[in-house]
Protein backbone atom coordinates (compact mmCIF):
# COMPACT_ATOMS: atom_id res chain seq x y z
CA MET A 1 37.87 19.07 -29.66
CA ASN A 2 37.33 15.42 -29.99
CA LYS A 3 37.95 14.90 -26.37
CA ILE A 4 35.42 17.39 -25.37
CA LEU A 5 32.85 15.78 -27.64
CA THR A 6 33.61 12.42 -26.08
CA ILE A 7 33.18 13.73 -22.57
CA ALA A 8 29.97 15.46 -23.45
CA LEU A 9 28.64 12.32 -25.05
CA ALA A 10 29.57 10.16 -21.97
CA LEU A 11 27.87 12.67 -19.66
CA ALA A 12 24.77 12.64 -21.80
CA LEU A 13 24.60 8.84 -21.77
CA ALA A 14 25.19 8.74 -18.00
CA SER A 15 22.41 11.23 -17.29
CA THR A 16 19.96 9.30 -19.70
CA SER A 17 20.69 5.99 -17.81
CA ALA A 18 20.07 7.69 -14.46
CA ILE A 19 16.72 9.08 -15.68
CA ALA A 20 15.71 5.64 -17.01
CA GLN A 21 16.61 4.02 -13.66
CA ALA A 22 14.67 6.71 -11.73
CA LYS A 23 11.62 6.03 -13.93
CA SER A 24 11.83 2.27 -13.49
CA ALA A 25 11.87 2.81 -9.77
CA ALA A 26 9.00 5.10 -9.79
CA ASP A 27 5.84 4.52 -7.76
CA ARG A 28 3.36 2.41 -9.53
CA ILE A 29 0.06 0.70 -8.62
CA THR A 30 0.66 -3.03 -8.25
CA GLY A 31 -2.89 -4.11 -7.29
CA GLY A 32 -6.39 -2.79 -7.35
CA PRO A 33 -7.98 -0.41 -6.69
CA VAL A 34 -10.43 -2.83 -4.99
CA ILE A 35 -13.80 -1.66 -3.65
CA GLU A 36 -13.74 -3.72 -0.50
CA SER A 37 -17.21 -2.65 0.78
CA VAL A 38 -20.09 -0.25 0.11
CA SER A 39 -22.89 0.68 2.36
CA ASP A 40 -25.62 3.32 2.03
CA HIS A 41 -23.36 5.91 3.54
CA SER A 42 -19.79 4.75 3.29
CA ALA A 43 -17.21 2.73 1.22
CA VAL A 44 -13.73 1.33 1.54
CA VAL A 45 -11.23 1.34 -1.26
CA ALA A 46 -7.90 -0.40 -1.19
CA TRP A 47 -4.94 -0.59 -3.57
CA SER A 48 -1.19 -1.54 -3.46
CA THR A 49 1.99 0.17 -4.70
CA ASN A 50 5.58 -0.97 -5.05
CA ALA A 51 6.90 1.70 -2.69
CA LYS A 52 5.53 3.29 0.51
CA SER A 53 3.69 6.41 -0.35
CA SER A 54 0.70 8.58 0.43
CA SER A 55 -2.86 7.22 0.26
CA ILE A 56 -5.34 9.76 -1.29
CA LEU A 57 -8.67 9.15 -2.89
CA ASP A 58 -10.33 12.08 -4.93
CA TYR A 59 -14.02 11.52 -5.54
CA GLY A 60 -17.29 13.04 -6.36
CA THR A 61 -20.65 12.42 -8.13
CA ASP A 62 -19.32 14.15 -11.36
CA ARG A 63 -16.50 12.25 -13.10
CA ASN A 64 -15.09 15.71 -14.33
CA ASN A 65 -15.20 17.18 -10.86
CA LEU A 66 -13.65 14.88 -8.18
CA SER A 67 -13.72 17.75 -5.59
CA GLN A 68 -13.87 15.70 -2.47
CA LYS A 69 -10.84 13.87 -0.74
CA ALA A 70 -10.25 11.14 1.69
CA GLU A 71 -6.88 10.08 2.95
CA ALA A 72 -5.08 7.75 5.15
CA PRO A 73 -1.68 8.32 6.87
CA TRP A 74 1.48 8.36 4.65
CA GLY A 75 3.65 5.18 4.57
CA GLY A 76 1.80 2.25 3.23
CA LYS A 77 2.43 0.01 0.34
CA PRO A 78 -1.09 -1.47 0.87
CA HIS A 79 -3.33 1.54 0.98
CA ARG A 80 -6.94 1.63 2.45
CA VAL A 81 -9.10 4.61 2.42
CA PHE A 82 -12.53 4.96 4.13
CA LEU A 83 -15.16 7.24 2.49
CA LYS A 84 -17.80 8.66 4.86
CA ASN A 85 -21.05 10.70 4.61
CA LEU A 86 -21.94 9.34 1.18
CA GLN A 87 -25.57 9.50 -0.17
CA PRO A 88 -27.52 6.30 -0.62
CA ASN A 89 -28.13 4.78 -4.15
CA THR A 90 -25.66 7.21 -5.77
CA THR A 91 -22.89 6.70 -8.12
CA TYR A 92 -19.48 8.16 -7.17
CA TYR A 93 -16.47 8.48 -9.36
CA PHE A 94 -13.03 8.18 -7.90
CA ARG A 95 -9.32 8.18 -8.60
CA VAL A 96 -6.60 6.94 -6.25
CA HIS A 97 -3.30 8.81 -5.84
CA SER A 98 -0.13 7.72 -4.09
CA GLY A 99 2.58 10.34 -3.92
CA GLU A 100 5.94 11.07 -2.33
CA ALA A 101 7.01 7.49 -2.82
CA GLN A 102 9.84 6.38 -0.56
CA GLY A 103 13.17 6.46 -2.36
CA THR A 104 11.90 8.14 -5.54
CA GLY A 105 9.57 11.04 -4.47
CA THR A 106 7.51 10.07 -7.46
CA SER A 107 3.67 9.75 -7.58
CA VAL A 108 1.03 7.82 -9.42
CA ASP A 109 -2.60 8.39 -10.22
CA SER A 110 -5.16 5.71 -11.36
CA PRO A 111 -7.64 6.07 -14.05
CA ILE A 112 -11.13 7.17 -12.76
CA TYR A 113 -13.47 4.35 -11.73
CA GLU A 114 -16.84 4.32 -10.12
CA LEU A 115 -18.78 2.74 -7.27
CA LYS A 116 -22.39 2.93 -6.45
CA THR A 117 -23.70 3.08 -2.83
CA VAL A 118 -26.52 0.74 -1.84
CA PRO A 119 -30.08 1.93 -1.27
CA LYS A 120 -30.86 3.39 2.18
CA GLY A 121 -31.10 0.60 4.80
CA ALA A 122 -29.88 -2.19 2.39
CA ALA A 123 -27.17 -4.53 3.49
CA PRO A 124 -23.58 -3.46 2.65
CA ASN A 125 -22.04 -4.93 -0.42
CA ARG A 126 -18.71 -6.67 0.46
CA GLN A 127 -17.81 -8.35 -2.76
CA ASN A 128 -14.21 -7.02 -3.02
CA VAL A 129 -14.61 -5.72 -6.64
CA ASN A 130 -11.20 -5.26 -8.27
CA VAL A 131 -11.67 -2.41 -10.70
CA GLY A 132 -7.93 -1.87 -11.46
CA VAL A 133 -4.65 -3.67 -11.84
CA PRO A 134 -4.93 -7.52 -11.22
CA THR A 135 -3.15 -8.29 -7.93
CA GLY A 136 0.34 -9.68 -8.36
CA LYS A 137 1.20 -7.82 -11.52
């Protein structure tokens, strides 16, 4: 009986260790999101992750309904998504998503952030506003 208990305990500890290692290797945002530019009808948002993964940005004018989606091809660690057909002088809310991370299959979502398009005909704003994780952390 003691031997069975010892084996069960060893198996439990091994699986706990494997789960902890998988979580530490999980996809995570390491920089950004950064709003690279905003015009009256478009925007560019970039971020980075610790593993190659998908680049998806959910957005909308209602922070509780991010029903629109923009994507870039899978496989980046730096991620850059282009938003098109935006309305001038409008606040948009967005959340970045990186999924199916290489080596772990995990995903990560950012909190919800906002950006505002410039008025119609105004010069684009290219200030590179970092709204998320400081680069290098």
